[in-house]
Amino acid sequence: MRPGLTLIEVMAVVTLLAIAAAMATAGLSGAHEAVQLQEAASVFRNADAQARFLASTGDQVILRIGEESNTVELWPVGIGRVRAFTLGSHVSARLLDRAGDARIDVVHIDRRGQSTDYRVSLRVGERAGTLRVSGLTGWVEQAP
């Protein structure tokens, strides 16, 4: 009997290593999506805060999701688009009503920096999250 491994034993080891690598890669992609989702939520919070600040210093501001569904656009009434915030290349977003049941096109923020309550649905790959926005104060939190 010669020392060493047979071809079957080598193939079994390679197969086990390939399975372990595939499991590790799948776990890492889920973590990457979670980080992208948190970054998109942070960008949206910043966009909403800036929209409220712009509205309080001038006229009404319209906040909307861009045509590519991965940008938040701020439109001061009478001036035109001021700023677009990119949520991320693999992020899609939708504005929803207070209950989260119906899609809405825009959010109107008045001169006092107030709007109706609304939600934002964010999705990155298989991960999804919802932000709940209090229109009176601009408070943004993760919705359950």
Protein backbone atom coordinates (compact mmCIF):
# COMPACT_ATOMS: atom_id res chain seq x y z
CA MET A 1 0.00 0.00 0.00
CA ARG A 2 1.37 3.40 -1.01
CA PRO A 3 1.18 6.41 1.32
CA GLY A 4 -1.08 9.27 0.18
CA LEU A 5 -4.68 9.92 -0.74
CA THR A 6 -6.76 8.24 -3.38
CA LEU A 7 -8.52 10.21 -6.08
CA ILE A 8 -11.90 9.68 -4.38
CA GLU A 9 -10.59 11.06 -1.08
CA VAL A 10 -9.15 14.15 -2.79
CA MET A 11 -12.43 14.75 -4.64
CA ALA A 12 -14.36 14.45 -1.36
CA VAL A 13 -12.13 17.03 0.33
CA VAL A 14 -12.41 19.46 -2.61
CA THR A 15 -16.20 19.07 -2.61
CA LEU A 16 -16.41 19.81 1.13
CA LEU A 17 -14.20 22.88 0.72
CA ALA A 18 -16.38 24.15 -2.16
CA ILE A 19 -19.53 23.74 -0.06
CA ALA A 20 -17.92 25.60 2.86
CA ALA A 21 -16.81 28.44 0.54
CA ALA A 22 -20.30 28.74 -0.97
CA MET A 23 -21.87 28.97 2.50
CA ALA A 24 -19.39 31.65 3.58
CA THR A 25 -19.97 33.69 0.42
CA ALA A 26 -23.76 33.56 0.87
CA GLY A 27 -23.40 34.77 4.46
CA LEU A 28 -21.17 37.66 3.44
CA SER A 29 -23.53 38.87 0.71
CA GLY A 30 -26.38 39.05 3.24
CA ALA A 31 -24.23 41.15 5.53
CA HIS A 32 -23.28 43.41 2.62
CA GLU A 33 -26.96 43.96 1.77
CA ALA A 34 -27.71 44.82 5.40
CA VAL A 35 -24.96 47.47 5.39
CA GLN A 36 -26.22 48.93 2.09
CA LEU A 37 -29.75 49.10 3.53
CA GLN A 38 -28.52 50.98 6.62
CA GLU A 39 -26.51 53.38 4.46
CA ALA A 40 -29.57 54.08 2.28
CA ALA A 41 -31.66 54.74 5.41
CA SER A 42 -29.03 57.19 6.64
CA VAL A 43 -28.93 59.02 3.29
CA PHE A 44 -32.73 59.26 3.30
CA ARG A 45 -32.76 60.69 6.84
CA ASN A 46 -30.28 63.34 5.70
CA ALA A 47 -32.35 64.19 2.60
CA ASP A 48 -35.53 64.57 4.67
CA ALA A 49 -33.74 66.79 7.20
CA GLN A 50 -32.35 69.01 4.43
CA ALA A 51 -35.78 69.25 2.79
CA ARG A 52 -37.29 70.43 6.08
CA PHE A 53 -34.48 72.96 6.55
CA LEU A 54 -34.91 74.31 3.00
CA ALA A 55 -38.65 74.61 3.52
CA SER A 56 -38.24 76.47 6.80
CA THR A 57 -35.95 79.03 5.15
CA GLY A 58 -38.11 79.70 2.11
CA ASP A 59 -41.01 78.12 0.32
CA GLN A 60 -42.62 74.72 0.23
CA VAL A 61 -40.35 71.80 -0.78
CA ILE A 62 -41.44 68.69 -2.62
CA LEU A 63 -39.59 65.49 -1.77
CA ARG A 64 -39.85 62.65 -4.26
CA ILE A 65 -38.11 59.46 -5.31
CA GLY A 66 -36.33 59.84 -8.66
CA GLU A 67 -37.22 57.91 -11.81
CA GLU A 68 -34.41 55.44 -11.22
CA SER A 69 -35.93 54.73 -7.75
CA ASN A 70 -32.53 55.00 -6.09
CA THR A 71 -32.43 58.78 -5.61
CA VAL A 72 -34.27 61.22 -3.38
CA GLU A 73 -34.94 64.56 -5.06
CA LEU A 74 -35.74 67.87 -3.36
CA TRP A 75 -37.77 70.37 -5.39
CA PRO A 76 -38.34 73.81 -3.79
CA VAL A 77 -41.53 75.24 -5.28
CA GLY A 78 -40.76 77.98 -7.81
CA ILE A 79 -37.01 77.28 -7.96
CA GLY A 80 -36.57 73.82 -9.46
CA ARG A 81 -34.58 70.85 -8.34
CA VAL A 82 -31.94 71.73 -5.77
CA ARG A 83 -30.44 68.44 -4.78
CA ALA A 84 -30.55 64.73 -5.51
CA PHE A 85 -29.34 62.19 -2.96
CA THR A 86 -28.23 58.78 -4.25
CA LEU A 87 -29.35 55.96 -1.98
CA GLY A 88 -27.04 53.41 -3.58
CA SER A 89 -26.68 51.65 -6.90
CA HIS A 90 -28.56 48.50 -5.83
CA VAL A 91 -31.19 50.23 -3.70
CA SER A 92 -34.81 50.77 -4.70
CA ALA A 93 -37.12 53.05 -2.73
CA ARG A 94 -40.82 53.88 -2.67
CA LEU A 95 -42.80 56.53 -0.80
CA LEU A 96 -45.83 55.13 1.02
CA ASP A 97 -48.76 56.64 2.90
CA ARG A 98 -48.90 56.74 6.70
CA ALA A 99 -50.23 53.18 6.98
CA GLY A 100 -47.78 51.85 4.42
CA ASP A 101 -50.61 50.52 2.24
CA ALA A 102 -50.57 52.83 -0.78
CA ARG A 103 -47.78 54.31 -2.85
CA ILE A 104 -47.55 58.10 -3.02
CA ASP A 105 -45.70 60.21 -5.58
CA VAL A 106 -44.47 63.16 -3.52
CA VAL A 107 -44.31 64.56 0.00
CA HIS A 108 -45.08 68.27 0.41
CA ILE A 109 -43.09 70.00 3.16
CA ASP A 110 -44.49 73.41 4.14
CA ARG A 111 -42.71 76.58 5.32
CA ARG A 112 -42.76 75.35 8.90
CA GLY A 113 -40.83 72.24 7.86
CA GLN A 114 -43.88 70.01 8.37
CA SER A 115 -45.55 67.39 6.20
CA THR A 116 -48.01 64.55 6.51
CA ASP A 117 -46.74 61.36 8.13
CA TYR A 118 -45.36 58.92 5.58
CA ARG A 119 -43.23 55.82 5.17
CA VAL A 120 -40.35 54.90 2.90
CA SER A 121 -39.82 51.35 1.72
CA LEU A 122 -36.19 50.48 0.94
CA ARG A 123 -34.99 47.28 -0.73
CA VAL A 124 -31.51 45.93 -1.44
CA GLY A 125 -31.52 42.50 -3.06
CA GLU A 126 -33.47 40.21 -0.75
CA ARG A 127 -33.38 42.61 2.22
CA ALA A 128 -36.08 45.20 2.80
CA GLY A 129 -36.78 47.80 5.44
CA THR A 130 -39.29 50.54 6.10
CA LEU A 131 -38.72 53.96 7.62
CA ARG A 132 -41.57 55.77 9.36
CA VAL A 133 -41.41 59.57 9.14
CA SER A 134 -43.32 61.84 11.51
CA GLY A 135 -44.41 64.78 9.40
CA LEU A 136 -44.84 67.17 12.30
CA THR A 137 -41.30 66.85 13.65
CA GLY A 138 -39.35 65.10 10.90
CA TRP A 139 -38.47 62.24 13.24
CA VAL A 140 -37.40 59.18 11.21
CA GLU A 141 -37.33 55.67 12.70
CA GLN A 142 -37.24 52.06 11.57
CA ALA A 143 -40.76 50.72 11.24
CA PRO A 144 -41.46 47.28 12.69
